[in-house]
Amino acid sequence: MKMDDVSNTNPSSRRLRLWLVDDDDGLRGLIAELLGRSDTIECSRQFFSAESALDVLAQESPPDIILLDLNMPGMSGVEAIRPIKRLARGTRVFMMTVFYDSIEVSRARSAGASGFVLKRDDWQEVIERLQDESADWAAGSPKPRAPASLPARSRMAAVPSQSGVEKAEVWSPAFRRSCAET
């Protein structure tokens, strides 16, 4: 069963409110769990699609941060940035992806994204980046480059998908360590 639209998790008023948008149920749940370890970030909502996040955003108070998958069926993460910023100007939007793509990163930056994270990054470091507004992309700042942590040649690993079909994904040792601490 898919979590097609919205689920509420762990309410708290003193932590940064984050909405997580990713079409992969399993990965979305894992990322929410990793974010849930933070004392400063609350994953207050999860969405399967950009469209469902936008529907709720039009009706509710916006979160502090939206962590948005780059590639999803329907509206892509980059396509969702401008409508999100129209509805919630103060919300910081971070793109999330498995592979670094300089063209998509530039498109996201131009659309108003605050930054991006790789899904395979160490999630403790991701949480620190999400907390630090001074690290956000600013108008006129240099174009983002591929993170120094990217290996020259990515290692491929077979990862079971939600449907049980194997698909190739890249997971860094740091990401695997983040997951192992669960």
N, C-alpha and C. Protein backbone atom coordinates (compact mmCIF):
# COMPACT_ATOMS: atom_id res chain seq x y z
N MET A 1 0.84 -1.19 0.00
CA MET A 1 0.00 0.00 0.00
C MET A 1 0.88 1.24 0.00
N LYS A 2 0.57 2.20 -0.84
CA LYS A 2 1.36 3.43 -0.93
C LYS A 2 0.81 4.47 0.02
N MET A 3 1.73 5.26 0.57
CA MET A 3 1.33 6.42 1.34
C MET A 3 1.11 7.51 0.31
N ASP A 4 -0.03 7.50 -0.36
CA ASP A 4 -0.23 8.32 -1.55
C ASP A 4 -0.22 9.81 -1.27
N ASP A 5 -0.77 10.22 -0.19
CA ASP A 5 -0.82 11.66 0.00
C ASP A 5 -0.02 12.11 1.21
N VAL A 6 -0.64 12.08 2.35
CA VAL A 6 -0.04 12.74 3.48
C VAL A 6 -0.05 11.84 4.70
N SER A 7 1.00 11.93 5.49
CA SER A 7 0.97 11.31 6.80
C SER A 7 1.61 12.28 7.78
N ASN A 8 1.06 12.38 8.95
CA ASN A 8 1.61 13.24 10.00
C ASN A 8 2.56 12.43 10.85
N THR A 9 3.63 13.04 11.30
CA THR A 9 4.54 12.37 12.21
C THR A 9 5.03 13.36 13.25
N ASN A 10 5.20 12.91 14.46
CA ASN A 10 5.93 13.56 15.53
C ASN A 10 5.79 15.09 15.64
N PRO A 11 4.67 15.62 16.11
CA PRO A 11 4.53 17.06 16.22
C PRO A 11 5.38 17.66 17.34
N SER A 12 5.92 18.84 17.11
CA SER A 12 6.69 19.57 18.11
C SER A 12 6.79 21.01 17.65
N SER A 13 6.79 21.96 18.57
CA SER A 13 6.78 23.36 18.16
C SER A 13 8.15 24.01 18.13
N ARG A 14 9.14 23.50 18.82
CA ARG A 14 10.43 24.17 18.87
C ARG A 14 11.41 23.72 17.80
N ARG A 15 11.11 22.69 17.09
CA ARG A 15 12.00 22.18 16.05
C ARG A 15 11.61 22.74 14.68
N LEU A 16 12.57 22.75 13.74
CA LEU A 16 12.26 23.15 12.37
C LEU A 16 11.30 22.14 11.77
N ARG A 17 10.22 22.62 11.17
CA ARG A 17 9.25 21.73 10.54
C ARG A 17 9.69 21.45 9.11
N LEU A 18 9.78 20.18 8.75
CA LEU A 18 10.21 19.77 7.42
C LEU A 18 9.16 18.88 6.79
N TRP A 19 8.86 19.13 5.52
CA TRP A 19 8.02 18.25 4.74
C TRP A 19 8.92 17.48 3.79
N LEU A 20 8.70 16.20 3.69
CA LEU A 20 9.50 15.30 2.86
C LEU A 20 8.66 14.84 1.68
N VAL A 21 9.19 15.04 0.45
CA VAL A 21 8.45 14.67 -0.76
C VAL A 21 9.31 13.74 -1.59
N ASP A 22 8.87 12.48 -1.70
CA ASP A 22 9.61 11.47 -2.48
C ASP A 22 8.63 10.37 -2.88
N ASP A 23 8.70 9.93 -4.13
CA ASP A 23 7.76 8.92 -4.62
C ASP A 23 8.11 7.51 -4.19
N ASP A 24 9.28 7.27 -3.65
CA ASP A 24 9.69 5.93 -3.21
C ASP A 24 9.31 5.75 -1.74
N ASP A 25 8.26 4.96 -1.49
CA ASP A 25 7.75 4.77 -0.13
C ASP A 25 8.82 4.32 0.85
N GLY A 26 9.59 3.32 0.46
CA GLY A 26 10.61 2.76 1.36
C GLY A 26 11.69 3.77 1.70
N LEU A 27 12.19 4.44 0.70
CA LEU A 27 13.25 5.42 0.91
C LEU A 27 12.72 6.62 1.69
N ARG A 28 11.50 7.04 1.37
CA ARG A 28 10.90 8.16 2.11
C ARG A 28 10.78 7.82 3.59
N GLY A 29 10.36 6.60 3.89
CA GLY A 29 10.26 6.18 5.28
C GLY A 29 11.61 6.14 5.98
N LEU A 30 12.63 5.66 5.28
CA LEU A 30 13.98 5.60 5.84
C LEU A 30 14.52 7.00 6.10
N ILE A 31 14.33 7.90 5.15
CA ILE A 31 14.81 9.28 5.33
C ILE A 31 14.08 9.95 6.49
N ALA A 32 12.77 9.74 6.59
CA ALA A 32 12.00 10.30 7.70
C ALA A 32 12.54 9.77 9.03
N GLU A 33 12.88 8.50 9.07
CA GLU A 33 13.44 7.91 10.28
C GLU A 33 14.79 8.53 10.62
N LEU A 34 15.64 8.72 9.61
CA LEU A 34 16.95 9.34 9.85
C LEU A 34 16.78 10.78 10.32
N LEU A 35 15.86 11.52 9.73
CA LEU A 35 15.60 12.90 10.16
C LEU A 35 15.02 12.93 11.57
N GLY A 36 14.25 11.90 11.90
CA GLY A 36 13.63 11.82 13.22
C GLY A 36 14.63 11.70 14.36
N ARG A 37 15.87 11.37 14.05
CA ARG A 37 16.91 11.29 15.08
C ARG A 37 17.39 12.67 15.53
N SER A 38 17.04 13.70 14.76
CA SER A 38 17.49 15.05 15.06
C SER A 38 16.64 15.66 16.16
N ASP A 39 17.30 16.42 17.03
CA ASP A 39 16.58 17.17 18.06
C ASP A 39 16.08 18.50 17.54
N THR A 40 16.51 18.89 16.34
CA THR A 40 16.19 20.22 15.83
C THR A 40 15.31 20.22 14.59
N ILE A 41 15.10 19.06 13.97
CA ILE A 41 14.26 18.98 12.77
C ILE A 41 13.16 17.95 13.00
N GLU A 42 11.95 18.34 12.68
CA GLU A 42 10.79 17.46 12.79
C GLU A 42 10.24 17.20 11.39
N CYS A 43 10.21 15.95 10.97
CA CYS A 43 9.60 15.59 9.69
C CYS A 43 8.10 15.51 9.94
N SER A 44 7.41 16.64 9.76
CA SER A 44 6.00 16.74 10.16
C SER A 44 5.03 16.20 9.13
N ARG A 45 5.45 16.13 7.87
CA ARG A 45 4.58 15.58 6.82
C ARG A 45 5.43 14.87 5.79
N GLN A 46 4.81 13.84 5.17
CA GLN A 46 5.44 13.12 4.07
C GLN A 46 4.45 13.05 2.91
N PHE A 47 4.99 13.22 1.71
CA PHE A 47 4.14 13.21 0.51
C PHE A 47 4.74 12.30 -0.55
N PHE A 48 3.88 11.70 -1.33
CA PHE A 48 4.27 10.82 -2.43
C PHE A 48 4.58 11.61 -3.70
N SER A 49 4.00 12.81 -3.82
CA SER A 49 4.16 13.59 -5.05
C SER A 49 4.23 15.08 -4.74
N ALA A 50 4.81 15.82 -5.68
CA ALA A 50 4.86 17.28 -5.55
C ALA A 50 3.45 17.86 -5.57
N GLU A 51 2.59 17.28 -6.39
CA GLU A 51 1.21 17.77 -6.48
C GLU A 51 0.49 17.67 -5.14
N SER A 52 0.64 16.56 -4.44
CA SER A 52 -0.05 16.41 -3.14
C SER A 52 0.53 17.38 -2.12
N ALA A 53 1.83 17.63 -2.15
CA ALA A 53 2.44 18.61 -1.24
C ALA A 53 1.90 20.01 -1.53
N LEU A 54 1.79 20.36 -2.81
CA LEU A 54 1.27 21.68 -3.18
C LEU A 54 -0.19 21.85 -2.76
N ASP A 55 -0.99 20.79 -2.90
CA ASP A 55 -2.39 20.85 -2.47
C ASP A 55 -2.50 21.19 -0.99
N VAL A 56 -1.69 20.54 -0.17
CA VAL A 56 -1.73 20.78 1.28
C VAL A 56 -1.12 22.15 1.60
N LEU A 57 -0.06 22.51 0.91
CA LEU A 57 0.60 23.80 1.14
C LEU A 57 -0.36 24.97 0.89
N ALA A 58 -1.26 24.80 -0.06
CA ALA A 58 -2.23 25.85 -0.37
C ALA A 58 -3.26 26.04 0.74
N GLN A 59 -3.37 25.06 1.64
CA GLN A 59 -4.40 25.09 2.67
C GLN A 59 -3.87 25.22 4.09
N GLU A 60 -2.60 24.96 4.30
CA GLU A 60 -2.04 24.92 5.65
C GLU A 60 -0.86 25.87 5.80
N SER A 61 -0.46 26.08 7.04
CA SER A 61 0.74 26.86 7.31
C SER A 61 1.94 26.14 6.71
N PRO A 62 2.83 26.89 6.07
CA PRO A 62 3.98 26.25 5.42
C PRO A 62 5.01 25.78 6.43
N PRO A 63 5.78 24.78 6.05
CA PRO A 63 6.87 24.32 6.91
C PRO A 63 8.07 25.26 6.76
N ASP A 64 9.08 25.04 7.58
CA ASP A 64 10.32 25.80 7.46
C ASP A 64 11.13 25.33 6.26
N ILE A 65 11.08 24.01 6.01
CA ILE A 65 11.91 23.38 4.97
C ILE A 65 11.07 22.36 4.22
N ILE A 66 11.26 22.27 2.90
CA ILE A 66 10.71 21.17 2.11
C ILE A 66 11.90 20.46 1.46
N LEU A 67 12.01 19.18 1.69
CA LEU A 67 13.04 18.34 1.10
C LEU A 67 12.36 17.56 -0.02
N LEU A 68 12.75 17.85 -1.26
CA LEU A 68 12.00 17.47 -2.44
C LEU A 68 12.85 16.59 -3.37
N ASP A 69 12.34 15.42 -3.70
CA ASP A 69 13.03 14.55 -4.65
C ASP A 69 13.07 15.23 -6.01
N LEU A 70 14.16 15.04 -6.71
CA LEU A 70 14.34 15.65 -8.03
C LEU A 70 13.45 14.98 -9.08
N ASN A 71 13.49 13.66 -9.16
CA ASN A 71 12.77 12.92 -10.21
C ASN A 71 11.60 12.15 -9.62
N MET A 72 10.40 12.60 -9.97
CA MET A 72 9.18 11.93 -9.53
C MET A 72 8.21 11.88 -10.70
N PRO A 73 7.30 10.91 -10.69
CA PRO A 73 6.25 10.90 -11.72
C PRO A 73 5.41 12.17 -11.58
N GLY A 74 4.85 12.63 -12.66
CA GLY A 74 4.07 13.87 -12.62
C GLY A 74 5.02 15.04 -12.59
N MET A 75 4.76 15.96 -11.69
CA MET A 75 5.58 17.17 -11.57
C MET A 75 6.93 16.82 -10.95
N SER A 76 8.00 17.23 -11.60
CA SER A 76 9.34 16.98 -11.05
C SER A 76 9.60 17.93 -9.89
N GLY A 77 10.63 17.62 -9.13
CA GLY A 77 11.01 18.50 -8.02
C GLY A 77 11.34 19.90 -8.48
N VAL A 78 12.10 20.02 -9.56
CA VAL A 78 12.46 21.35 -10.07
C VAL A 78 11.21 22.11 -10.51
N GLU A 79 10.28 21.44 -11.16
CA GLU A 79 9.04 22.10 -11.60
C GLU A 79 8.20 22.58 -10.42
N ALA A 80 8.35 21.94 -9.27
CA ALA A 80 7.55 22.29 -8.09
C ALA A 80 8.11 23.47 -7.31
N ILE A 81 9.36 23.83 -7.53
CA ILE A 81 9.98 24.88 -6.71
C ILE A 81 9.25 26.21 -6.83
N ARG A 82 9.00 26.68 -8.03
CA ARG A 82 8.36 28.00 -8.20
C ARG A 82 6.96 28.05 -7.57
N PRO A 83 6.10 27.05 -7.81
CA PRO A 83 4.79 27.08 -7.13
C PRO A 83 4.92 27.03 -5.60
N ILE A 84 5.89 26.28 -5.11
CA ILE A 84 6.11 26.24 -3.65
C ILE A 84 6.49 27.63 -3.16
N LYS A 85 7.42 28.28 -3.84
CA LYS A 85 7.89 29.60 -3.41
C LYS A 85 6.78 30.65 -3.53
N ARG A 86 5.85 30.49 -4.49
CA ARG A 86 4.71 31.41 -4.58
C ARG A 86 3.79 31.25 -3.36
N LEU A 87 3.60 30.03 -2.92
CA LEU A 87 2.72 29.76 -1.79
C LEU A 87 3.40 29.98 -0.44
N ALA A 88 4.70 29.79 -0.40
CA ALA A 88 5.43 29.84 0.88
C ALA A 88 6.81 30.46 0.66
N ARG A 89 6.81 31.74 0.49
CA ARG A 89 8.04 32.46 0.14
C ARG A 89 9.19 32.17 1.12
N GLY A 90 8.91 32.06 2.40
CA GLY A 90 9.96 31.87 3.40
C GLY A 90 10.41 30.43 3.59
N THR A 91 9.76 29.50 2.94
CA THR A 91 10.14 28.09 3.07
C THR A 91 11.40 27.81 2.27
N ARG A 92 12.34 27.16 2.90
CA ARG A 92 13.59 26.78 2.23
C ARG A 92 13.34 25.43 1.54
N VAL A 93 13.67 25.36 0.26
CA VAL A 93 13.44 24.15 -0.53
C VAL A 93 14.78 23.54 -0.90
N PHE A 94 14.97 22.28 -0.53
CA PHE A 94 16.18 21.53 -0.87
C PHE A 94 15.83 20.41 -1.81
N MET A 95 16.61 20.29 -2.87
CA MET A 95 16.45 19.19 -3.81
C MET A 95 17.22 18.00 -3.26
N MET A 96 16.70 16.82 -3.57
CA MET A 96 17.31 15.58 -3.09
C MET A 96 17.39 14.63 -4.29
N THR A 97 18.56 14.04 -4.49
CA THR A 97 18.73 13.16 -5.63
C THR A 97 19.80 12.12 -5.33
N VAL A 98 19.83 11.06 -6.12
CA VAL A 98 20.85 10.03 -5.96
C VAL A 98 22.12 10.41 -6.71
N PHE A 99 21.96 10.91 -7.94
CA PHE A 99 23.09 11.25 -8.78
C PHE A 99 23.22 12.76 -8.94
N TYR A 100 24.41 13.28 -8.86
CA TYR A 100 24.65 14.70 -9.10
C TYR A 100 24.51 14.97 -10.59
N ASP A 101 23.71 15.96 -10.94
CA ASP A 101 23.50 16.37 -12.33
C ASP A 101 23.60 17.89 -12.36
N SER A 102 24.69 18.41 -12.89
CA SER A 102 24.94 19.85 -12.84
C SER A 102 23.85 20.66 -13.53
N ILE A 103 23.26 20.13 -14.58
CA ILE A 103 22.19 20.85 -15.29
C ILE A 103 20.97 20.98 -14.39
N GLU A 104 20.55 19.88 -13.76
CA GLU A 104 19.38 19.92 -12.88
C GLU A 104 19.66 20.78 -11.64
N VAL A 105 20.87 20.71 -11.12
CA VAL A 105 21.22 21.54 -9.97
C VAL A 105 21.13 23.02 -10.34
N SER A 106 21.62 23.39 -11.52
CA SER A 106 21.53 24.78 -11.97
C SER A 106 20.08 25.21 -12.18
N ARG A 107 19.26 24.31 -12.74
CA ARG A 107 17.83 24.62 -12.92
C ARG A 107 17.15 24.82 -11.57
N ALA A 108 17.50 23.98 -10.60
CA ALA A 108 16.90 24.09 -9.26
C ALA A 108 17.31 25.41 -8.61
N ARG A 109 18.55 25.76 -8.74
CA ARG A 109 19.05 27.01 -8.16
C ARG A 109 18.33 28.20 -8.80
N SER A 110 18.20 28.18 -10.11
CA SER A 110 17.52 29.27 -10.82
C SER A 110 16.05 29.38 -10.41
N ALA A 111 15.44 28.25 -10.09
CA ALA A 111 14.02 28.25 -9.71
C ALA A 111 13.81 28.70 -8.27
N GLY A 112 14.90 28.78 -7.48
CA GLY A 112 14.77 29.27 -6.10
C GLY A 112 15.08 28.27 -5.02
N ALA A 113 15.68 27.13 -5.37
CA ALA A 113 16.04 26.15 -4.34
C ALA A 113 17.11 26.73 -3.42
N SER A 114 17.09 26.31 -2.18
CA SER A 114 18.08 26.75 -1.19
C SER A 114 19.33 25.90 -1.23
N GLY A 115 19.24 24.70 -1.80
CA GLY A 115 20.39 23.82 -1.86
C GLY A 115 19.97 22.44 -2.34
N PHE A 116 20.91 21.52 -2.28
CA PHE A 116 20.59 20.14 -2.65
C PHE A 116 21.38 19.20 -1.78
N VAL A 117 20.85 17.99 -1.66
CA VAL A 117 21.55 16.93 -0.94
C VAL A 117 21.51 15.67 -1.79
N LEU A 118 22.52 14.88 -1.64
CA LEU A 118 22.52 13.57 -2.29
C LEU A 118 21.95 12.56 -1.31
N LYS A 119 21.08 11.71 -1.78
CA LYS A 119 20.44 10.72 -0.91
C LYS A 119 21.46 9.80 -0.26
N ARG A 120 22.60 9.66 -0.87
CA ARG A 120 23.62 8.75 -0.34
C ARG A 120 24.58 9.44 0.63
N ASP A 121 24.36 10.74 0.90
CA ASP A 121 25.21 11.47 1.84
C ASP A 121 25.03 10.95 3.25
N ASP A 122 25.95 11.31 4.11
CA ASP A 122 25.84 11.04 5.54
C ASP A 122 24.71 11.93 6.05
N TRP A 123 23.67 11.33 6.63
CA TRP A 123 22.49 12.10 7.00
C TRP A 123 22.70 12.99 8.20
N GLN A 124 23.69 12.74 9.02
CA GLN A 124 24.01 13.68 10.09
C GLN A 124 24.50 14.99 9.47
N GLU A 125 25.31 14.88 8.42
CA GLU A 125 25.78 16.08 7.71
C GLU A 125 24.64 16.77 6.98
N VAL A 126 23.72 16.00 6.42
CA VAL A 126 22.55 16.59 5.75
C VAL A 126 21.74 17.40 6.76
N ILE A 127 21.50 16.83 7.92
CA ILE A 127 20.74 17.52 8.96
C ILE A 127 21.43 18.83 9.34
N GLU A 128 22.73 18.81 9.47
CA GLU A 128 23.48 20.03 9.80
C GLU A 128 23.32 21.08 8.69
N ARG A 129 23.35 20.65 7.42
CA ARG A 129 23.16 21.59 6.31
C ARG A 129 21.76 22.18 6.31
N LEU A 130 20.76 21.35 6.60
CA LEU A 130 19.38 21.83 6.62
C LEU A 130 19.17 22.86 7.73
N GLN A 131 19.89 22.72 8.83
CA GLN A 131 19.76 23.64 9.95
C GLN A 131 20.45 24.98 9.69
N ASP A 132 21.46 25.00 8.84
CA ASP A 132 22.33 26.17 8.66
C ASP A 132 21.88 27.02 7.48
N GLU A 133 21.07 28.05 7.76
CA GLU A 133 20.58 28.93 6.69
C GLU A 133 21.71 29.67 5.99
N SER A 134 22.82 29.90 6.67
CA SER A 134 23.92 30.64 6.05
C SER A 134 24.58 29.83 4.94
N ALA A 135 24.34 28.52 4.90
CA ALA A 135 24.92 27.67 3.86
C ALA A 135 24.04 27.59 2.60
N ASP A 136 22.86 28.23 2.66
CA ASP A 136 21.95 28.20 1.51
C ASP A 136 22.57 28.93 0.32
N TRP A 137 22.13 28.56 -0.87
CA TRP A 137 22.52 29.29 -2.07
C TRP A 137 21.92 30.68 -1.98
N ALA A 138 22.69 31.66 -2.35
CA ALA A 138 22.18 33.03 -2.35
C ALA A 138 22.27 33.59 -3.76
N ALA A 139 21.40 34.53 -4.06
CA ALA A 139 21.45 35.16 -5.37
C ALA A 139 22.83 35.76 -5.58
N GLY A 140 23.43 35.50 -6.71
CA GLY A 140 24.75 36.03 -7.02
C GLY A 140 25.90 35.19 -6.50
N SER A 141 25.60 34.14 -5.74
CA SER A 141 26.68 33.30 -5.24
C SER A 141 27.19 32.43 -6.38
N PRO A 142 28.40 31.89 -6.25
CA PRO A 142 28.94 31.05 -7.33
C PRO A 142 28.03 29.86 -7.59
N LYS A 143 28.08 29.37 -8.83
CA LYS A 143 27.28 28.20 -9.17
C LYS A 143 27.73 27.01 -8.34
N PRO A 144 26.77 26.18 -7.91
CA PRO A 144 27.14 25.00 -7.13
C PRO A 144 27.94 24.02 -7.98
N ARG A 145 28.87 23.36 -7.34
CA ARG A 145 29.66 22.34 -8.02
C ARG A 145 29.35 20.98 -7.42
N ALA A 146 29.81 19.96 -8.10
CA ALA A 146 29.64 18.62 -7.56
C ALA A 146 30.35 18.54 -6.23
N PRO A 147 29.74 17.88 -5.24
CA PRO A 147 30.38 17.76 -3.95
C PRO A 147 31.72 17.05 -4.07
N ALA A 148 32.67 17.47 -3.24
CA ALA A 148 34.00 16.87 -3.26
C ALA A 148 33.95 15.39 -2.88
N SER A 149 32.88 15.01 -2.17
CA SER A 149 32.78 13.63 -1.71
C SER A 149 32.41 12.64 -2.82
N LEU A 150 32.04 13.15 -4.00
CA LEU A 150 31.68 12.24 -5.09
C LEU A 150 32.91 11.52 -5.59
N PRO A 151 32.86 10.21 -5.64
CA PRO A 151 34.00 9.47 -6.17
C PRO A 151 34.10 9.65 -7.68
N ALA A 152 35.31 9.52 -8.20
CA ALA A 152 35.50 9.64 -9.65
C ALA A 152 34.66 8.60 -10.36
N ARG A 153 34.56 7.42 -9.81
CA ARG A 153 33.76 6.36 -10.39
C ARG A 153 32.79 5.85 -9.32
N SER A 154 31.51 5.99 -9.57
CA SER A 154 30.51 5.58 -8.59
C SER A 154 30.42 4.06 -8.50
N ARG A 155 30.22 3.59 -7.26
CA ARG A 155 30.01 2.15 -7.09
C ARG A 155 28.53 1.87 -7.23
N MET A 156 28.22 0.82 -7.94
CA MET A 156 26.81 0.46 -8.15
C MET A 156 26.48 -0.72 -7.25
N ALA A 157 25.28 -0.72 -6.73
CA ALA A 157 24.82 -1.82 -5.90
C ALA A 157 23.37 -2.11 -6.24
N ALA A 158 22.99 -3.35 -6.23
CA ALA A 158 21.60 -3.70 -6.48
C ALA A 158 20.81 -3.49 -5.19
N VAL A 159 19.73 -2.76 -5.29
CA VAL A 159 18.90 -2.45 -4.14
C VAL A 159 17.48 -2.86 -4.45
N PRO A 160 16.84 -3.64 -3.58
CA PRO A 160 15.46 -4.02 -3.87
C PRO A 160 14.55 -2.79 -3.85
N SER A 161 13.70 -2.68 -4.84
CA SER A 161 12.76 -1.57 -4.87
C SER A 161 11.50 -1.98 -4.12
N GLN A 162 10.56 -1.06 -3.99
CA GLN A 162 9.31 -1.32 -3.29
C GLN A 162 8.58 -2.51 -3.91
N SER A 163 8.67 -2.65 -5.22
CA SER A 163 7.95 -3.73 -5.90
C SER A 163 8.71 -5.05 -5.84
N GLY A 164 9.92 -5.04 -5.26
CA GLY A 164 10.70 -6.26 -5.17
C GLY A 164 11.63 -6.44 -6.35
N VAL A 165 11.53 -5.57 -7.36
CA VAL A 165 12.39 -5.65 -8.53
C VAL A 165 13.70 -4.96 -8.20
N GLU A 166 14.81 -5.55 -8.60
CA GLU A 166 16.10 -4.94 -8.32
C GLU A 166 16.33 -3.75 -9.24
N LYS A 167 16.95 -2.70 -8.71
CA LYS A 167 17.32 -1.57 -9.53
C LYS A 167 18.69 -1.08 -9.06
N ALA A 168 19.45 -0.49 -9.96
CA ALA A 168 20.79 -0.02 -9.61
C ALA A 168 20.70 1.34 -8.95
N GLU A 169 21.32 1.50 -7.83
CA GLU A 169 21.38 2.76 -7.10
C GLU A 169 22.80 2.90 -6.56
N VAL A 170 23.17 4.08 -6.19
CA VAL A 170 24.49 4.30 -5.61
C VAL A 170 24.29 4.70 -4.16
N TRP A 171 24.97 4.01 -3.28
CA TRP A 171 24.89 4.32 -1.86
C TRP A 171 26.32 4.44 -1.34
N SER A 172 26.65 5.56 -0.77
CA SER A 172 27.99 5.76 -0.25
C SER A 172 28.15 5.02 1.08
N PRO A 173 29.38 4.79 1.49
CA PRO A 173 29.60 4.20 2.82
C PRO A 173 28.98 5.06 3.92
N ALA A 174 29.01 6.39 3.77
CA ALA A 174 28.43 7.27 4.79
C ALA A 174 26.92 7.05 4.90
N PHE A 175 26.23 6.87 3.76
CA PHE A 175 24.79 6.62 3.80
C PHE A 175 24.52 5.28 4.48
N ARG A 176 25.30 4.27 4.11
CA ARG A 176 25.11 2.96 4.72
C ARG A 176 25.34 3.02 6.23
N ARG A 177 26.33 3.81 6.67
CA ARG A 177 26.58 3.97 8.11
C ARG A 177 25.38 4.64 8.77
N SER A 178 24.81 5.67 8.12
CA SER A 178 23.64 6.35 8.67
C SER A 178 22.51 5.36 8.89
N CYS A 179 22.29 4.48 7.93
CA CYS A 179 21.23 3.49 8.01
C CYS A 179 21.52 2.43 9.07
N ALA A 180 22.78 2.06 9.20
CA ALA A 180 23.16 1.01 10.14
C ALA A 180 22.95 1.44 11.58
N GLU A 181 22.93 2.74 11.83
CA GLU A 181 22.75 3.25 13.17
C GLU A 181 21.30 3.19 13.61
N THR A 182 20.40 2.73 12.76
CA THR A 182 18.98 2.69 13.08
C THR A 182 18.68 1.73 14.18
